[in-house]
Each structure stands twice: as structure tokens, then as C-alpha cells.
Amino acid sequence: MLEKTAVRAKVEGITKVLTIPAVVHKVTSLIASGTSSASEIADEIAKDPILAAKVLKLVNSGFYGFRQPITTITHAMVLLGLDVVKTLVMTASVMDVIDAMNELVQGLWEHSLGTARACNALAERLNLPNPEEVALCGLLHDFGKVIIAQTFPAEFREIRAVVEARSCLQIDAEAAVLGVTHPEVGMWLLKKWSLPPKLVYPIAYHSNFHPRRDFADRTAVVQLADILARAKGIGNPGDRLVPRMNPDAWAFLKLTMRDVEDVCDQLDAEVGAGLLG
């Protein structure tokens, strides 16, 4: 097992695997300034046509459920807000890594989309503010698996072998082999990118809920959404199990089983409509 400090240092020092283009740094600086207009930020993104195309691909990928295509970055910013667009820019800049992960664990992207759509449906049912941000947390909840696969390939192969041999959750195999888990790894990198805690915390703690932690409502939603996507067989999260819902997280949400059934029906409809593939 590797030393945790060594694992973190390697994750935070990623440059070759996850190169963030200069335009991404410029965009995040503009957003952080609080004085730049949507059109100024959109113009900066448009300076990298490939990045802009990837951002629009994400916006239209199905996890927000837009029925009409979003064709401009400015329109996306109006609909989704600056924090979401900032995270989409970050995600778009490493989409090649996500695509590579789908080759290693086929179906991870579909699972992430399913979790995002379940997050959105649950957040709307709970009347949480900014459900599109909660959906984005769902989309990126397994981002750490991408980082582990790309940064620690030998350990990742061992993790996959442990999952198969023990029929366990991948997160348990990660802890056994690497000494850390994908939510922790994802948190380290997303913090390094200076994403806001309201987006980082639900990703970091979706498998380790605590009711007194900041953004506990979003974290509980991501946990339940992941479980529902697994139960519905949407994509492949890396193992074949459906984890138990944390009782504190379930109590925190104050949902009924009828609520859950309605969200599952919505997921079934979206799968049937081809929105999650």
C-alpha cells in the first residue's frame, strides 16, 4: 500500500496526464474576479474552439435534460450560472481522460450521467436551490476513479482484480490497495482547481455522509442518486453491487418511498428516450 501523503502529492502534482489549458486558467480568473460579464467569459472560452465544443457537448449530453440544444456558451452561462460553467470548463479540458476511462471501465460515463439526472430530479423534488449544480456534483462524483486509473495504473489493475475476486465495492478495493478512495482523490484535484466547496464537498463525501458537514443536503442527494443509478443498472460504476443508503442521509432528506419510485420512473423514461446513452 502506498503512503497517503505520496498518493496525494502525485495527484496534486498531475501535469502530464491532466494538462489544464491556459484559457481555462484565464476563464477561472475572470469568473473569480466577479466583475466580468457573461459575454466576456464566453468570448474567452471561444478562443479555444475545441474546448468550447467540448463544453457545449457536456451541456447537451443529457445530464441536464434540456429538450432543445444549447448552441452558445453565453446561453449555457445564463441557464447554468458561473460556478457550473467553470466546472464544465474544467471537466471539458480533461474529457479525453474521461473517454480513456470509459475504455478501461466501459459504462462509467453512462453511470455518471444517470447519477446526474437522478441528482437533478431529487434536488427539484426537495426544492433545493440550483439543482443544476447538484446535477454537476452527480456527474463528477466518480471523477476520482478517472484519476486513479490514469495516475496509478498498476494499482488500478490490482483494484479491478480485487473487485472481481471479492465481489466487493470498488471503493473498498481502493482502500485496500491504495490506502485512499476515489472520493478523496477527486476532492484533492478539484480543490487544487479552486472549485467552490458547494461543488467539491458532495463529491468528496458522497460515500461518507455526516449530517453536520457543510452541504449535507447535496451530499445525501448524490449518495442516493448513485444508489438509484446502480439499482437501475445505468452504466457501470466499476462493480456490480448496490451499497446501502446511510440511515442518517436518508433521514436528512425526509423523502418517502413514493418520491424514490417517482424518480426511478423518471430515470426509466429518460433511458427509454435515449437521454442517458
Protein backbone atom coordinates (compact mmCIF):
# COMPACT_ATOMS: atom_id res chain seq x y z
CA MET A 1 0.00 0.00 0.00
CA LEU A 2 1.32 3.44 -0.89
CA GLU A 3 1.75 6.22 1.67
CA LYS A 4 -1.26 8.53 1.65
CA THR A 5 0.92 11.63 1.53
CA ALA A 6 2.73 10.25 -1.51
CA VAL A 7 -0.54 9.48 -3.26
CA ARG A 8 -1.86 12.99 -2.58
CA ALA A 9 1.35 14.64 -3.74
CA LYS A 10 1.25 12.71 -7.00
CA VAL A 11 -2.43 13.56 -7.60
CA GLU A 12 -1.94 17.25 -6.86
CA GLY A 13 1.18 17.33 -8.99
CA ILE A 14 -0.53 15.99 -12.09
CA THR A 15 0.62 17.90 -15.16
CA LYS A 16 1.22 15.40 -17.95
CA VAL A 17 -2.00 13.44 -17.60
CA LEU A 18 -4.30 16.37 -16.83
CA THR A 19 -2.93 19.43 -18.55
CA ILE A 20 -5.19 22.42 -17.99
CA PRO A 21 -5.03 24.78 -20.99
CA ALA A 22 -4.07 28.42 -20.42
CA VAL A 23 -7.55 29.51 -21.47
CA VAL A 24 -9.01 27.53 -18.55
CA HIS A 25 -6.85 29.44 -16.07
CA LYS A 26 -7.92 32.69 -17.72
CA VAL A 27 -11.60 31.76 -17.57
CA THR A 28 -11.45 30.76 -13.91
CA SER A 29 -9.67 34.04 -13.10
CA LEU A 30 -12.36 36.03 -14.90
CA ILE A 31 -15.11 34.20 -13.04
CA ALA A 32 -13.33 34.62 -9.70
CA SER A 33 -12.98 38.37 -10.26
CA GLY A 34 -16.74 38.84 -10.05
CA THR A 35 -16.52 41.81 -12.40
CA SER A 36 -16.53 40.09 -15.79
CA SER A 37 -19.70 39.79 -17.84
CA ALA A 38 -21.06 36.55 -19.26
CA SER A 39 -20.19 37.69 -22.76
CA GLU A 40 -16.57 38.42 -21.77
CA ILE A 41 -16.18 34.97 -20.25
CA ALA A 42 -17.90 33.32 -23.21
CA ASP A 43 -15.57 35.17 -25.59
CA GLU A 44 -12.56 33.87 -23.66
CA ILE A 45 -13.83 30.26 -23.86
CA ALA A 46 -14.48 30.71 -27.58
CA LYS A 47 -10.79 31.48 -28.12
CA ASP A 48 -10.26 27.72 -27.83
CA PRO A 49 -12.81 26.27 -30.29
CA ILE A 50 -12.09 22.68 -29.25
CA LEU A 51 -12.66 23.48 -25.58
CA ALA A 52 -15.83 25.44 -26.41
CA ALA A 53 -17.16 22.50 -28.43
CA LYS A 54 -16.45 20.12 -25.54
CA VAL A 55 -18.26 22.41 -23.07
CA LEU A 56 -21.33 22.51 -25.33
CA LYS A 57 -21.13 18.73 -25.73
CA LEU A 58 -21.29 18.37 -21.95
CA VAL A 59 -24.17 20.84 -21.65
CA ASN A 60 -26.12 18.89 -24.27
CA SER A 61 -25.06 15.41 -23.09
CA GLY A 62 -28.30 14.62 -21.30
CA PHE A 63 -27.50 15.16 -17.65
CA TYR A 64 -29.36 18.48 -17.54
CA GLY A 65 -32.25 17.15 -19.59
CA PHE A 66 -32.54 20.14 -21.92
CA ARG A 67 -35.02 19.32 -24.66
CA GLN A 68 -33.68 21.99 -27.01
CA PRO A 69 -29.98 22.11 -27.87
CA ILE A 70 -27.84 24.81 -26.25
CA THR A 71 -25.72 26.25 -29.05
CA THR A 72 -23.75 29.06 -27.41
CA ILE A 73 -21.58 29.37 -24.33
CA THR A 74 -23.40 32.57 -23.35
CA HIS A 75 -26.74 30.74 -23.37
CA ALA A 76 -25.23 27.99 -21.21
CA MET A 77 -23.97 30.56 -18.72
CA VAL A 78 -27.38 32.22 -18.47
CA LEU A 79 -29.06 28.87 -17.84
CA LEU A 80 -26.50 27.28 -15.54
CA GLY A 81 -24.57 30.03 -13.77
CA LEU A 82 -20.89 30.84 -13.46
CA ASP A 83 -19.87 28.12 -11.00
CA VAL A 84 -21.38 25.38 -13.14
CA VAL A 85 -19.80 26.74 -16.31
CA LYS A 86 -16.42 26.99 -14.54
CA THR A 87 -16.65 23.33 -13.56
CA LEU A 88 -17.83 22.37 -17.04
CA VAL A 89 -14.79 24.12 -18.50
CA MET A 90 -12.54 22.17 -16.14
CA THR A 91 -14.30 18.91 -16.99
CA ALA A 92 -14.22 19.61 -20.72
CA SER A 93 -10.49 20.20 -20.57
CA VAL A 94 -9.94 16.63 -19.37
CA MET A 95 -12.66 14.89 -21.38
CA ASP A 96 -10.01 12.86 -23.19
CA VAL A 97 -9.13 11.31 -19.83
CA ILE A 98 -12.79 10.54 -19.16
CA ASP A 99 -13.05 8.94 -22.60
CA ALA A 100 -9.98 6.85 -21.76
CA MET A 101 -11.62 5.78 -18.50
CA ASN A 102 -14.64 4.56 -20.42
CA GLU A 103 -12.29 2.27 -22.30
CA LEU A 104 -10.98 0.88 -19.01
CA VAL A 105 -14.37 0.65 -17.29
CA GLN A 106 -16.96 0.66 -20.04
CA GLY A 107 -20.13 2.38 -18.94
CA LEU A 108 -18.70 4.76 -16.31
CA TRP A 109 -19.83 7.80 -18.28
CA GLU A 110 -23.37 6.43 -18.58
CA HIS A 111 -23.41 5.74 -14.84
CA SER A 112 -22.25 9.30 -14.20
CA LEU A 113 -25.00 10.68 -16.45
CA GLY A 114 -27.60 8.55 -14.70
CA THR A 115 -26.43 9.76 -11.31
CA ALA A 116 -26.52 13.36 -12.52
CA ARG A 117 -30.08 13.04 -13.80
CA ALA A 118 -31.18 11.39 -10.55
CA CYS A 119 -29.50 14.24 -8.64
CA ASN A 120 -31.40 16.80 -10.66
CA ALA A 121 -34.74 15.04 -10.14
CA LEU A 122 -34.17 14.63 -6.41
CA ALA A 123 -32.98 18.22 -5.97
CA GLU A 124 -36.08 19.53 -7.73
CA ARG A 125 -38.34 17.32 -5.63
CA LEU A 126 -36.64 18.61 -2.48
CA ASN A 127 -36.79 22.22 -3.71
CA LEU A 128 -33.05 22.61 -3.29
CA PRO A 129 -31.60 25.80 -4.80
CA ASN A 130 -29.62 25.45 -8.03
CA PRO A 131 -30.45 21.83 -8.91
CA GLU A 132 -28.15 22.15 -11.93
CA GLU A 133 -25.20 22.43 -9.54
CA VAL A 134 -26.32 19.30 -7.70
CA ALA A 135 -26.54 17.52 -11.06
CA LEU A 136 -22.98 18.53 -11.80
CA CYS A 137 -21.87 17.01 -8.48
CA GLY A 138 -23.53 13.79 -9.62
CA LEU A 139 -21.77 13.92 -12.96
CA LEU A 140 -18.37 14.22 -11.27
CA HIS A 141 -18.96 12.03 -8.22
CA ASP A 142 -16.72 9.24 -9.60
CA PHE A 143 -14.12 11.57 -11.12
CA GLY A 144 -11.52 10.20 -8.71
CA LYS A 145 -11.77 6.82 -10.45
CA VAL A 146 -10.51 8.50 -13.61
CA ILE A 147 -7.55 9.95 -11.73
CA ILE A 148 -6.66 6.65 -10.08
CA ALA A 149 -6.80 4.77 -13.38
CA GLN A 150 -4.59 7.28 -15.17
CA THR A 151 -2.15 8.10 -12.37
CA PHE A 152 -1.75 4.69 -10.69
CA PRO A 153 -2.27 2.16 -13.50
CA ALA A 154 -0.63 -0.79 -11.70
CA GLU A 155 -2.65 -0.20 -8.54
CA PHE A 156 -5.79 0.29 -10.62
CA ARG A 157 -5.32 -3.12 -12.22
CA GLU A 158 -4.93 -4.59 -8.75
CA ILE A 159 -8.09 -2.78 -7.61
CA ARG A 160 -10.02 -4.28 -10.52
CA ALA A 161 -8.68 -7.74 -9.63
CA VAL A 162 -9.76 -7.32 -6.00
CA VAL A 163 -13.25 -6.25 -7.08
CA GLU A 164 -13.59 -9.37 -9.21
CA ALA A 165 -12.10 -11.75 -6.65
CA ARG A 166 -14.02 -10.47 -3.64
CA SER A 167 -17.18 -9.21 -5.38
CA CYS A 168 -16.84 -6.03 -3.36
CA LEU A 169 -17.45 -2.35 -3.96
CA GLN A 170 -14.66 -0.63 -5.87
CA ILE A 171 -14.30 1.93 -3.06
CA ASP A 172 -13.42 -0.90 -0.65
CA ALA A 173 -10.86 -2.31 -3.07
CA GLU A 174 -9.34 1.17 -3.46
CA ALA A 175 -8.92 1.47 0.31
CA ALA A 176 -7.30 -1.96 0.49
CA VAL A 177 -4.90 -1.45 -2.40
CA LEU A 178 -4.19 2.29 -2.48
CA GLY A 179 -4.98 3.39 1.06
CA VAL A 180 -7.27 6.13 -0.25
CA THR A 181 -10.55 6.14 -2.16
CA HIS A 182 -11.82 7.84 -5.29
CA PRO A 183 -13.89 10.48 -3.42
CA GLU A 184 -10.72 11.61 -1.61
CA VAL A 185 -8.68 11.63 -4.80
CA GLY A 186 -11.35 13.61 -6.63
CA MET A 187 -11.53 16.10 -3.76
CA TRP A 188 -7.78 16.73 -3.84
CA LEU A 189 -7.76 17.57 -7.53
CA LEU A 190 -10.96 19.62 -7.52
CA LYS A 191 -9.66 21.66 -4.57
CA LYS A 192 -6.42 22.16 -6.46
CA TRP A 193 -8.52 23.61 -9.27
CA SER A 194 -10.11 26.03 -6.74
CA LEU A 195 -13.67 24.84 -7.29
CA PRO A 196 -16.14 26.07 -4.63
CA PRO A 197 -16.91 23.83 -1.62
CA LYS A 198 -20.58 23.58 -2.64
CA LEU A 199 -19.41 21.54 -5.63
CA VAL A 200 -16.44 19.78 -4.00
CA TYR A 201 -17.99 18.57 -0.73
CA PRO A 202 -20.82 16.48 -2.21
CA ILE A 203 -18.31 14.75 -4.46
CA ALA A 204 -15.78 14.26 -1.68
CA TYR A 205 -18.21 12.86 0.90
CA HIS A 206 -20.92 11.12 -1.12
CA SER A 207 -19.80 7.78 0.35
CA ASN A 208 -19.10 9.18 3.83
CA PHE A 209 -22.13 11.24 4.83
CA HIS A 210 -22.27 13.28 8.03
CA PRO A 211 -25.31 15.46 8.78
CA ARG A 212 -23.25 18.26 10.34
CA ARG A 213 -20.90 18.64 7.41
CA ASP A 214 -21.40 21.61 5.08
CA PHE A 215 -23.69 20.92 2.09
CA ALA A 216 -25.06 17.79 3.72
CA ASP A 217 -28.27 18.05 1.69
CA ARG A 218 -26.40 17.92 -1.61
CA THR A 219 -24.14 15.14 -0.33
CA ALA A 220 -27.12 13.00 0.69
CA VAL A 221 -28.71 13.58 -2.71
CA VAL A 222 -25.56 12.44 -4.54
CA GLN A 223 -25.37 9.31 -2.38
CA LEU A 224 -28.97 8.39 -3.09
CA ALA A 225 -28.68 9.24 -6.78
CA ASP A 226 -25.64 6.97 -7.12
CA ILE A 227 -27.57 4.16 -5.46
CA LEU A 228 -30.58 4.64 -7.74
CA ALA A 229 -28.44 4.69 -10.89
CA ARG A 230 -26.78 1.47 -9.73
CA ALA A 231 -30.12 -0.14 -8.86
CA LYS A 232 -31.50 0.75 -12.30
CA GLY A 233 -28.40 -0.72 -13.97
CA ILE A 234 -27.46 2.53 -15.71
CA GLY A 235 -23.89 2.21 -16.93
CA ASN A 236 -21.11 0.63 -14.92
CA PRO A 237 -19.62 2.20 -11.76
CA GLY A 238 -16.85 -0.40 -11.62
CA ASP A 239 -18.59 -3.05 -9.54
CA ARG A 240 -21.89 -4.91 -9.56
CA LEU A 241 -23.14 -4.00 -6.08
CA VAL A 242 -25.73 -1.54 -4.78
CA PRO A 243 -24.49 -0.03 -1.50
CA ARG A 244 -26.83 0.59 1.41
CA MET A 245 -28.08 4.12 1.95
CA ASN A 246 -26.60 5.75 5.02
CA PRO A 247 -29.54 5.92 7.50
CA ASP A 248 -28.55 9.45 8.56
CA ALA A 249 -28.51 10.57 4.93
CA TRP A 250 -31.94 9.04 4.31
CA ALA A 251 -33.36 10.69 7.44
CA PHE A 252 -31.80 14.01 6.45
CA LEU A 253 -33.59 14.08 3.10
CA LYS A 254 -37.07 13.35 4.53
CA LEU A 255 -38.16 11.61 1.34
CA THR A 256 -40.82 8.93 1.01
CA MET A 257 -40.54 5.72 -0.98
CA ARG A 258 -43.15 7.20 -3.31
CA ASP A 259 -40.70 10.03 -4.04
CA VAL A 260 -38.00 7.50 -4.83
CA GLU A 261 -40.34 5.50 -7.07
CA ASP A 262 -41.23 8.66 -8.99
CA VAL A 263 -37.55 9.46 -9.57
CA CYS A 264 -36.94 5.88 -10.71
CA ASP A 265 -39.86 6.17 -13.14
CA GLN A 266 -38.30 9.37 -14.48
CA LEU A 267 -34.97 7.61 -14.96
CA ASP A 268 -36.70 4.76 -16.78
CA ALA A 269 -38.35 7.26 -19.10
CA GLU A 270 -35.07 9.02 -19.82
CA VAL A 271 -33.29 5.74 -20.51
CA GLY A 272 -36.14 4.80 -22.84
CA ALA A 273 -35.82 8.16 -24.62
CA GLY A 274 -32.10 7.61 -25.12
CA LEU A 275 -31.06 10.56 -22.96
CA LEU A 276 -28.52 8.60 -20.92
CA GLY A 277 -26.55 6.81 -23.58
